[in-house]
PDB file of all heavy atoms in Angstrom:
ATOM      1  N   LEU A   1     -25.729   3.187 -55.867  1.00  0.00           N
ATOM      2  CA  LEU A   1     -26.766   4.085 -56.217  1.00  0.00           C
ATOM      3  C   LEU A   1     -26.541   5.496 -55.741  1.00  0.00           C
ATOM      4  O   LEU A   1     -26.686   6.462 -56.594  1.00  0.00           O
ATOM      5  CB  LEU A   1     -28.108   3.534 -55.648  1.00  0.00           C
ATOM      6  CG  LEU A   1     -29.370   4.324 -55.879  1.00  0.00           C
ATOM      7  CD1 LEU A   1     -29.623   4.437 -57.385  1.00  0.00           C
ATOM      8  CD2 LEU A   1     -30.581   3.766 -55.237  1.00  0.00           C
ATOM      9  N   ARG A   2     -26.230   5.749 -54.574  1.00  0.00           N
ATOM     10  CA  ARG A   2     -25.958   7.043 -54.063  1.00  0.00           C
ATOM     11  C   ARG A   2     -24.819   7.767 -54.855  1.00  0.00           C
ATOM     12  O   ARG A   2     -24.890   8.871 -55.133  1.00  0.00           O
ATOM     13  CB  ARG A   2     -25.726   7.094 -52.603  1.00  0.00           C
ATOM     14  CG  ARG A   2     -26.962   6.687 -51.817  1.00  0.00           C
ATOM     15  CD  ARG A   2     -26.945   7.157 -50.326  1.00  0.00           C
ATOM     16  NE  ARG A   2     -28.150   6.743 -49.690  1.00  0.00           N
ATOM     17  CZ  ARG A   2     -29.329   7.404 -49.716  1.00  0.00           C
ATOM     18  NH1 ARG A   2     -29.475   8.364 -50.420  1.00  0.00           N
ATOM     19  NH2 ARG A   2     -30.396   6.828 -49.097  1.00  0.00           N
ATOM     20  N   ARG A   3     -23.777   7.026 -55.002  1.00  0.00           N
ATOM     21  CA  ARG A   3     -22.606   7.594 -55.767  1.00  0.00           C
ATOM     22  C   ARG A   3     -23.003   7.970 -57.152  1.00  0.00           C
ATOM     23  O   ARG A   3     -22.602   8.985 -57.710  1.00  0.00           O
ATOM     24  CB  ARG A   3     -21.435   6.673 -55.734  1.00  0.00           C
ATOM     25  CG  ARG A   3     -20.230   7.292 -56.482  1.00  0.00           C
ATOM     26  CD  ARG A   3     -18.908   6.483 -56.188  1.00  0.00           C
ATOM     27  NE  ARG A   3     -17.876   7.272 -56.712  1.00  0.00           N
ATOM     28  CZ  ARG A   3     -16.932   6.726 -57.478  1.00  0.00           C
ATOM     29  NH1 ARG A   3     -16.929   5.419 -57.828  1.00  0.00           N
ATOM     30  NH2 ARG A   3     -15.950   7.528 -57.970  1.00  0.00           N
ATOM     31  N   SER A   4     -23.784   7.118 -57.848  1.00  0.00           N
ATOM     32  CA  SER A   4     -24.243   7.350 -59.161  1.00  0.00           C
ATOM     33  C   SER A   4     -25.086   8.603 -59.261  1.00  0.00           C
ATOM     34  O   SER A   4     -25.042   9.376 -60.151  1.00  0.00           O
ATOM     35  CB  SER A   4     -24.989   6.177 -59.735  1.00  0.00           C
ATOM     36  OG  SER A   4     -24.154   5.032 -59.796  1.00  0.00           O
ATOM     37  N   LEU A   5     -26.022   8.735 -58.195  1.00  0.00           N
ATOM     38  CA  LEU A   5     -26.818   9.902 -58.053  1.00  0.00           C
ATOM     39  C   LEU A   5     -26.061  11.171 -58.008  1.00  0.00           C
ATOM     40  O   LEU A   5     -26.227  12.175 -58.733  1.00  0.00           O
ATOM     41  CB  LEU A   5     -27.774   9.785 -56.907  1.00  0.00           C
ATOM     42  CG  LEU A   5     -28.668  10.957 -56.609  1.00  0.00           C
ATOM     43  CD1 LEU A   5     -29.509  11.257 -57.748  1.00  0.00           C
ATOM     44  CD2 LEU A   5     -29.505  10.707 -55.319  1.00  0.00           C
ATOM     45  N   GLU A   6     -25.067  11.209 -57.125  1.00  0.00           N
ATOM     46  CA  GLU A   6     -24.208  12.396 -56.923  1.00  0.00           C
ATOM     47  C   GLU A   6     -23.463  12.745 -58.226  1.00  0.00           C
ATOM     48  O   GLU A   6     -23.386  13.905 -58.581  1.00  0.00           O
ATOM     49  CB  GLU A   6     -23.182  12.101 -55.881  1.00  0.00           C
ATOM     50  CG  GLU A   6     -23.787  11.995 -54.477  1.00  0.00           C
ATOM     51  CD  GLU A   6     -22.830  11.461 -53.405  1.00  0.00           C
ATOM     52  OE1 GLU A   6     -21.718  11.202 -53.709  1.00  0.00           O
ATOM     53  OE2 GLU A   6     -23.293  11.268 -52.216  1.00  0.00           O
ATOM     54  N   GLU A   7     -22.860  11.729 -58.943  1.00  0.00           N
ATOM     55  CA  GLU A   7     -22.168  12.001 -60.185  1.00  0.00           C
ATOM     56  C   GLU A   7     -23.158  12.476 -61.223  1.00  0.00           C
ATOM     57  O   GLU A   7     -22.811  13.437 -61.974  1.00  0.00           O
ATOM     58  CB  GLU A   7     -21.410  10.729 -60.624  1.00  0.00           C
ATOM     59  CG  GLU A   7     -20.232  10.478 -59.760  1.00  0.00           C
ATOM     60  CD  GLU A   7     -19.418   9.339 -60.190  1.00  0.00           C
ATOM     61  OE1 GLU A   7     -19.609   8.905 -61.365  1.00  0.00           O
ATOM     62  OE2 GLU A   7     -18.583   8.828 -59.522  1.00  0.00           O
ATOM     63  N   ALA A   8     -24.365  11.919 -61.359  1.00  0.00           N
ATOM     64  CA  ALA A   8     -25.246  12.315 -62.324  1.00  0.00           C
ATOM     65  C   ALA A   8     -25.720  13.773 -62.094  1.00  0.00           C
ATOM     66  O   ALA A   8     -25.837  14.640 -62.970  1.00  0.00           O
ATOM     67  CB  ALA A   8     -26.436  11.411 -62.312  1.00  0.00           C
ATOM     68  N   GLU A   9     -25.874  14.131 -60.839  1.00  0.00           N
ATOM     69  CA  GLU A   9     -26.284  15.532 -60.550  1.00  0.00           C
ATOM     70  C   GLU A   9     -25.174  16.533 -60.805  1.00  0.00           C
ATOM     71  O   GLU A   9     -25.408  17.623 -61.283  1.00  0.00           O
ATOM     72  CB  GLU A   9     -26.768  15.626 -59.033  1.00  0.00           C
ATOM     73  CG  GLU A   9     -28.088  14.994 -58.778  1.00  0.00           C
ATOM     74  CD  GLU A   9     -28.557  14.957 -57.347  1.00  0.00           C
ATOM     75  OE1 GLU A   9     -27.776  15.133 -56.422  1.00  0.00           O
ATOM     76  OE2 GLU A   9     -29.752  14.748 -57.259  1.00  0.00           O
ATOM     77  N   MET A  10     -23.887  16.125 -60.582  1.00  0.00           N
ATOM     78  CA  MET A  10     -22.809  17.059 -60.984  1.00  0.00           C
ATOM     79  C   MET A  10     -22.786  17.203 -62.522  1.00  0.00           C
ATOM     80  O   MET A  10     -22.689  18.332 -63.062  1.00  0.00           O
ATOM     81  CB  MET A  10     -21.510  16.530 -60.555  1.00  0.00           C
ATOM     82  CG  MET A  10     -21.232  16.727 -58.993  1.00  0.00           C
ATOM     83  SD  MET A  10     -19.591  16.457 -58.494  1.00  0.00           S
ATOM     84  CE  MET A  10     -19.178  14.824 -59.142  1.00  0.00           C
ATOM     85  N   LEU A  11     -22.848  16.037 -63.299  1.00  0.00           N
ATOM     86  CA  LEU A  11     -22.748  16.077 -64.665  1.00  0.00           C
ATOM     87  C   LEU A  11     -23.963  16.826 -65.337  1.00  0.00           C
ATOM     88  O   LEU A  11     -23.851  17.363 -66.465  1.00  0.00           O
ATOM     89  CB  LEU A  11     -22.598  14.687 -65.199  1.00  0.00           C
ATOM     90  CG  LEU A  11     -21.313  13.992 -65.010  1.00  0.00           C
ATOM     91  CD1 LEU A  11     -21.333  12.477 -65.463  1.00  0.00           C
ATOM     92  CD2 LEU A  11     -20.200  14.686 -65.709  1.00  0.00           C
ATOM     93  N   ALA A  12     -25.059  16.764 -64.648  1.00  0.00           N
ATOM     94  CA  ALA A  12     -26.302  17.499 -65.132  1.00  0.00           C
ATOM     95  C   ALA A  12     -26.015  19.016 -65.346  1.00  0.00           C
ATOM     96  O   ALA A  12     -26.763  19.723 -66.070  1.00  0.00           O
ATOM     97  CB  ALA A  12     -27.454  17.401 -64.124  1.00  0.00           C
ATOM     98  N   ASN A  13     -25.024  19.610 -64.702  1.00  0.00           N
ATOM     99  CA  ASN A  13     -24.602  20.981 -64.904  1.00  0.00           C
ATOM    100  C   ASN A  13     -24.059  21.209 -66.294  1.00  0.00           C
ATOM    101  O   ASN A  13     -24.077  22.358 -66.635  1.00  0.00           O
ATOM    102  CB  ASN A  13     -23.650  21.343 -63.802  1.00  0.00           C
ATOM    103  CG  ASN A  13     -24.331  21.359 -62.445  1.00  0.00           C
ATOM    104  OD1 ASN A  13     -25.444  21.851 -62.285  1.00  0.00           O
ATOM    105  ND2 ASN A  13     -23.543  20.827 -61.482  1.00  0.00           N
ATOM    106  N   VAL A  14     -23.575  20.200 -66.951  1.00  0.00           N
ATOM    107  CA  VAL A  14     -23.009  20.412 -68.221  1.00  0.00           C
ATOM    108  C   VAL A  14     -23.637  19.643 -69.348  1.00  0.00           C
ATOM    109  O   VAL A  14     -23.333  19.959 -70.560  1.00  0.00           O
ATOM    110  CB  VAL A  14     -21.389  20.146 -68.218  1.00  0.00           C
ATOM    111  CG1 VAL A  14     -20.733  21.112 -67.327  1.00  0.00           C
ATOM    112  CG2 VAL A  14     -21.109  18.690 -67.725  1.00  0.00           C
ATOM    113  N   GLU A  15     -24.480  18.657 -69.118  1.00  0.00           N
ATOM    114  CA  GLU A  15     -25.091  17.794 -70.099  1.00  0.00           C
ATOM    115  C   GLU A  15     -26.573  17.472 -69.649  1.00  0.00           C
ATOM    116  O   GLU A  15     -26.788  17.344 -68.567  1.00  0.00           O
ATOM    117  CB  GLU A  15     -24.343  16.514 -70.303  1.00  0.00           C
ATOM    118  CG  GLU A  15     -22.917  16.649 -70.804  1.00  0.00           C
ATOM    119  CD  GLU A  15     -22.170  15.384 -70.955  1.00  0.00           C
ATOM    120  OE1 GLU A  15     -22.868  14.335 -71.284  1.00  0.00           O
ATOM    121  OE2 GLU A  15     -20.963  15.339 -70.724  1.00  0.00           O
ATOM    122  N   GLU A  16     -27.416  17.318 -70.627  1.00  0.00           N
ATOM    123  CA  GLU A  16     -28.844  17.005 -70.460  1.00  0.00           C
ATOM    124  C   GLU A  16     -29.110  15.644 -69.861  1.00  0.00           C
ATOM    125  O   GLU A  16     -29.784  15.446 -68.989  1.00  0.00           O
ATOM    126  CB  GLU A  16     -29.713  17.211 -71.726  1.00  0.00           C
ATOM    127  CG  GLU A  16     -31.063  16.884 -71.500  1.00  0.00           C
ATOM    128  CD  GLU A  16     -31.963  17.006 -72.742  1.00  0.00           C
ATOM    129  OE1 GLU A  16     -31.250  17.164 -73.899  1.00  0.00           O
ATOM    130  OE2 GLU A  16     -33.140  16.927 -72.720  1.00  0.00           O
ATOM    131  N   ASP A  17     -28.618  14.515 -70.530  1.00  0.00           N
ATOM    132  CA  ASP A  17     -28.849  13.147 -70.199  1.00  0.00           C
ATOM    133  C   ASP A  17     -28.512  12.878 -68.680  1.00  0.00           C
ATOM    134  O   ASP A  17     -29.366  12.133 -67.982  1.00  0.00           O
ATOM    135  CB  ASP A  17     -28.084  12.154 -71.087  1.00  0.00           C
ATOM    136  CG  ASP A  17     -28.696  12.108 -72.489  1.00  0.00           C
ATOM    137  OD1 ASP A  17     -29.878  12.589 -72.608  1.00  0.00           O
ATOM    138  OD2 ASP A  17     -28.122  11.584 -73.318  1.00  0.00           O
ATOM    139  N   PRO A  18     -27.401  13.245 -68.096  1.00  0.00           N
ATOM    140  CA  PRO A  18     -27.236  13.041 -66.710  1.00  0.00           C
ATOM    141  C   PRO A  18     -28.339  13.614 -65.854  1.00  0.00           C
ATOM    142  O   PRO A  18     -28.750  13.105 -64.745  1.00  0.00           O
ATOM    143  CB  PRO A  18     -25.898  13.597 -66.400  1.00  0.00           C
ATOM    144  CG  PRO A  18     -25.182  13.632 -67.624  1.00  0.00           C
ATOM    145  CD  PRO A  18     -26.254  13.902 -68.741  1.00  0.00           C
ATOM    146  N   GLY A  19     -28.867  14.674 -66.268  1.00  0.00           N
ATOM    147  CA  GLY A  19     -30.028  15.368 -65.524  1.00  0.00           C
ATOM    148  C   GLY A  19     -31.192  14.477 -65.428  1.00  0.00           C
ATOM    149  O   GLY A  19     -31.881  14.280 -64.478  1.00  0.00           O
ATOM    150  N   LEU A  20     -31.490  13.845 -66.598  1.00  0.00           N
ATOM    151  CA  LEU A  20     -32.528  12.857 -66.670  1.00  0.00           C
ATOM    152  C   LEU A  20     -32.226  11.696 -65.754  1.00  0.00           C
ATOM    153  O   LEU A  20     -33.118  11.245 -64.951  1.00  0.00           O
ATOM    154  CB  LEU A  20     -32.730  12.366 -68.120  1.00  0.00           C
ATOM    155  CG  LEU A  20     -33.216  13.391 -69.201  1.00  0.00           C
ATOM    156  CD1 LEU A  20     -33.213  12.778 -70.592  1.00  0.00           C
ATOM    157  CD2 LEU A  20     -34.624  13.953 -68.848  1.00  0.00           C
ATOM    158  N   LEU A  21     -31.087  11.172 -65.770  1.00  0.00           N
ATOM    159  CA  LEU A  21     -30.716  10.045 -65.016  1.00  0.00           C
ATOM    160  C   LEU A  21     -30.766  10.466 -63.517  1.00  0.00           C
ATOM    161  O   LEU A  21     -31.195   9.640 -62.679  1.00  0.00           O
ATOM    162  CB  LEU A  21     -29.299   9.577 -65.317  1.00  0.00           C
ATOM    163  CG  LEU A  21     -28.710   8.431 -64.440  1.00  0.00           C
ATOM    164  CD1 LEU A  21     -29.612   7.215 -64.607  1.00  0.00           C
ATOM    165  CD2 LEU A  21     -27.289   8.133 -64.867  1.00  0.00           C
ATOM    166  N   SER A  22     -30.329  11.666 -63.140  1.00  0.00           N
ATOM    167  CA  SER A  22     -30.384  11.991 -61.708  1.00  0.00           C
ATOM    168  C   SER A  22     -31.749  12.022 -61.277  1.00  0.00           C
ATOM    169  O   SER A  22     -32.069  11.694 -60.010  1.00  0.00           O
ATOM    170  CB  SER A  22     -29.674  13.400 -61.528  1.00  0.00           C
ATOM    171  OG  SER A  22     -30.442  14.465 -62.008  1.00  0.00           O
ATOM    172  N   ARG A  23     -32.734  12.454 -62.046  1.00  0.00           N
ATOM    173  CA  ARG A  23     -34.180  12.547 -61.596  1.00  0.00           C
ATOM    174  C   ARG A  23     -34.616  11.103 -61.367  1.00  0.00           C
ATOM    175  O   ARG A  23     -35.437  10.717 -60.446  1.00  0.00           O
ATOM    176  CB  ARG A  23     -34.999  13.205 -62.588  1.00  0.00           C
ATOM    177  CG  ARG A  23     -34.754  14.746 -62.512  1.00  0.00           C
ATOM    178  CD  ARG A  23     -35.902  15.576 -63.208  1.00  0.00           C
ATOM    179  NE  ARG A  23     -35.925  15.331 -64.611  1.00  0.00           N
ATOM    180  CZ  ARG A  23     -35.077  16.035 -65.474  1.00  0.00           C
ATOM    181  NH1 ARG A  23     -34.191  16.844 -64.979  1.00  0.00           N
ATOM    182  NH2 ARG A  23     -35.177  15.835 -66.758  1.00  0.00           N
ATOM    183  N   VAL A  24     -34.244  10.145 -62.262  1.00  0.00           N
ATOM    184  CA  VAL A  24     -34.650   8.750 -62.047  1.00  0.00           C
ATOM    185  C   VAL A  24     -34.062   8.198 -60.840  1.00  0.00           C
ATOM    186  O   VAL A  24     -34.657   7.441 -60.052  1.00  0.00           O
ATOM    187  CB  VAL A  24     -34.225   7.904 -63.390  1.00  0.00           C
ATOM    188  CG1 VAL A  24     -34.389   6.471 -63.085  1.00  0.00           C
ATOM    189  CG2 VAL A  24     -35.052   8.333 -64.521  1.00  0.00           C
ATOM    190  N   LEU A  25     -32.750   8.400 -60.570  1.00  0.00           N
ATOM    191  CA  LEU A  25     -32.071   7.904 -59.387  1.00  0.00           C
ATOM    192  C   LEU A  25     -32.635   8.502 -58.180  1.00  0.00           C
ATOM    193  O   LEU A  25     -32.766   7.793 -57.148  1.00  0.00           O
ATOM    194  CB  LEU A  25     -30.638   8.181 -59.538  1.00  0.00           C
ATOM    195  CG  LEU A  25     -29.806   7.445 -60.565  1.00  0.00           C
ATOM    196  CD1 LEU A  25     -28.385   7.818 -60.704  1.00  0.00           C
ATOM    197  CD2 LEU A  25     -29.966   5.881 -60.468  1.00  0.00           C
ATOM    198  N   ARG A  26     -32.972   9.764 -58.139  1.00  0.00           N
ATOM    199  CA  ARG A  26     -33.565  10.406 -56.969  1.00  0.00           C
ATOM    200  C   ARG A  26     -34.968   9.814 -56.642  1.00  0.00           C
ATOM    201  O   ARG A  26     -35.210   9.460 -55.465  1.00  0.00           O
ATOM    202  CB  ARG A  26     -33.788  11.933 -57.296  1.00  0.00           C
ATOM    203  CG  ARG A  26     -34.383  12.764 -56.209  1.00  0.00           C
ATOM    204  CD  ARG A  26     -33.589  12.954 -54.969  1.00  0.00           C
ATOM    205  NE  ARG A  26     -32.315  13.567 -55.209  1.00  0.00           N
ATOM    206  CZ  ARG A  26     -31.347  13.481 -54.354  1.00  0.00           C
ATOM    207  NH1 ARG A  26     -31.446  12.880 -53.265  1.00  0.00           N
ATOM    208  NH2 ARG A  26     -30.191  14.048 -54.611  1.00  0.00           N
ATOM    209  N   ALA A  27     -35.694   9.404 -57.729  1.00  0.00           N
ATOM    210  CA  ALA A  27     -36.935   8.773 -57.475  1.00  0.00           C
ATOM    211  C   ALA A  27     -36.700   7.363 -56.827  1.00  0.00           C
ATOM    212  O   ALA A  27     -37.433   6.878 -55.875  1.00  0.00           O
ATOM    213  CB  ALA A  27     -37.723   8.564 -58.791  1.00  0.00           C
ATOM    214  N   ALA A  28     -35.704   6.641 -57.201  1.00  0.00           N
ATOM    215  CA  ALA A  28     -35.286   5.310 -56.595  1.00  0.00           C
ATOM    216  C   ALA A  28     -34.920   5.503 -55.245  1.00  0.00           C
ATOM    217  O   ALA A  28     -35.267   4.647 -54.379  1.00  0.00           O
ATOM    218  CB  ALA A  28     -34.241   4.728 -57.502  1.00  0.00           C
ATOM    219  N   VAL A  29     -34.044   6.484 -54.894  1.00  0.00           N
ATOM    220  CA  VAL A  29     -33.661   6.693 -53.475  1.00  0.00           C
ATOM    221  C   VAL A  29     -34.925   6.998 -52.623  1.00  0.00           C
ATOM    222  O   VAL A  29     -35.066   6.471 -51.532  1.00  0.00           O
ATOM    223  CB  VAL A  29     -32.701   7.890 -53.444  1.00  0.00           C
ATOM    224  CG1 VAL A  29     -32.482   8.290 -51.988  1.00  0.00           C
ATOM    225  CG2 VAL A  29     -31.310   7.393 -54.124  1.00  0.00           C
ATOM    226  N   ALA A  30     -35.858   7.881 -53.170  1.00  0.00           N
ATOM    227  CA  ALA A  30     -37.082   8.235 -52.362  1.00  0.00           C
ATOM    228  C   ALA A  30     -37.895   7.013 -52.149  1.00  0.00           C
ATOM    229  O   ALA A  30     -38.549   6.817 -51.083  1.00  0.00           O
ATOM    230  CB  ALA A  30     -37.750   9.342 -53.161  1.00  0.00           C
ATOM    231  N   ALA A  31     -38.006   6.172 -53.159  1.00  0.00           N
ATOM    232  CA  ALA A  31     -38.823   4.907 -53.009  1.00  0.00           C
ATOM    233  C   ALA A  31     -38.147   3.855 -52.123  1.00  0.00           C
ATOM    234  O   ALA A  31     -38.775   3.047 -51.680  1.00  0.00           O
ATOM    235  CB  ALA A  31     -39.169   4.414 -54.368  1.00  0.00           C
ATOM    236  N   GLY A  32     -36.776   3.922 -52.147  1.00  0.00           N
ATOM    237  CA  GLY A  32     -35.993   2.974 -51.398  1.00  0.00           C
ATOM    238  C   GLY A  32     -35.928   1.589 -52.028  1.00  0.00           C
ATOM    239  O   GLY A  32     -35.549   0.627 -51.445  1.00  0.00           O
ATOM    240  N   THR A  33     -36.293   1.533 -53.406  1.00  0.00           N
ATOM    241  CA  THR A  33     -36.131   0.221 -54.020  1.00  0.00           C
ATOM    242  C   THR A  33     -35.594   0.349 -55.460  1.00  0.00           C
ATOM    243  O   THR A  33     -35.651   1.381 -56.101  1.00  0.00           O
ATOM    244  CB  THR A  33     -37.486  -0.422 -54.253  1.00  0.00           C
ATOM    245  OG1 THR A  33     -38.252   0.333 -55.112  1.00  0.00           O
ATOM    246  CG2 THR A  33     -38.269  -0.595 -52.900  1.00  0.00           C
ATOM    247  N   MET A  34     -34.812  -0.745 -55.866  1.00  0.00           N
ATOM    248  CA  MET A  34     -34.272  -0.666 -57.186  1.00  0.00           C
ATOM    249  C   MET A  34     -35.426  -1.046 -58.214  1.00  0.00           C
ATOM    250  O   MET A  34     -35.350  -0.690 -59.342  1.00  0.00           O
ATOM    251  CB  MET A  34     -33.167  -1.704 -57.324  1.00  0.00           C
ATOM    252  CG  MET A  34     -31.940  -1.357 -56.578  1.00  0.00           C
ATOM    253  SD  MET A  34     -31.281   0.342 -56.855  1.00  0.00           S
ATOM    254  CE  MET A  34     -30.654   0.097 -58.529  1.00  0.00           C
ATOM    255  N   GLN A  35     -36.493  -1.570 -57.755  1.00  0.00           N
ATOM    256  CA  GLN A  35     -37.624  -1.841 -58.666  1.00  0.00           C
ATOM    257  C   GLN A  35     -38.156  -0.620 -59.244  1.00  0.00           C
ATOM    258  O   GLN A  35     -38.506  -0.373 -60.370  1.00  0.00           O
ATOM    259  CB  GLN A  35     -38.684  -2.725 -57.963  1.00  0.00           C
ATOM    260  CG  GLN A  35     -39.810  -3.002 -58.961  1.00  0.00           C
ATOM    261  CD  GLN A  35     -39.300  -3.908 -60.175  1.00  0.00           C
ATOM    262  OE1 GLN A  35     -38.576  -4.893 -59.989  1.00  0.00           O
ATOM    263  NE2 GLN A  35     -39.736  -3.519 -61.297  1.00  0.00           N
ATOM    264  N   GLN A  36     -38.273   0.430 -58.281  1.00  0.00           N
ATOM    265  CA  GLN A  36     -38.733   1.785 -58.704  1.00  0.00           C
ATOM    266  C   GLN A  36     -37.861   2.289 -59.709  1.00  0.00           C
ATOM    267  O   GLN A  36     -38.343   2.858 -60.787  1.00  0.00           O
ATOM    268  CB  GLN A  36     -38.840   2.686 -57.490  1.00  0.00           C
ATOM    269  CG  GLN A  36     -39.201   4.111 -57.828  1.00  0.00           C
ATOM    270  CD  GLN A  36     -40.727   4.194 -58.335  1.00  0.00           C
ATOM    271  OE1 GLN A  36     -41.462   3.405 -57.855  1.00  0.00           O
ATOM    272  NE2 GLN A  36     -40.975   5.158 -59.065  1.00  0.00           N
ATOM    273  N   LEU A  37     -36.533   2.137 -59.601  1.00  0.00           N
ATOM    274  CA  LEU A  37     -35.530   2.591 -60.579  1.00  0.00           C
ATOM    275  C   LEU A  37     -35.834   1.891 -61.938  1.00  0.00           C
ATOM    276  O   LEU A  37     -35.912   2.569 -63.061  1.00  0.00           O
ATOM    277  CB  LEU A  37     -34.157   2.268 -60.160  1.00  0.00           C
ATOM    278  CG  LEU A  37     -33.086   2.568 -61.203  1.00  0.00           C
ATOM    279  CD1 LEU A  37     -33.020   4.035 -61.504  1.00  0.00           C
ATOM    280  CD2 LEU A  37     -31.757   2.138 -60.683  1.00  0.00           C
TER     281      LEU A  37
END
């Protein structure tokens, strides 16, 4: 999860979809559960 979040945030600098994914992953990290994801 954390590695996917880091990669999505980097890719968000050049593409829109990874930015959406990074926000979803960030919410999952904040919630601490994969169910939130």
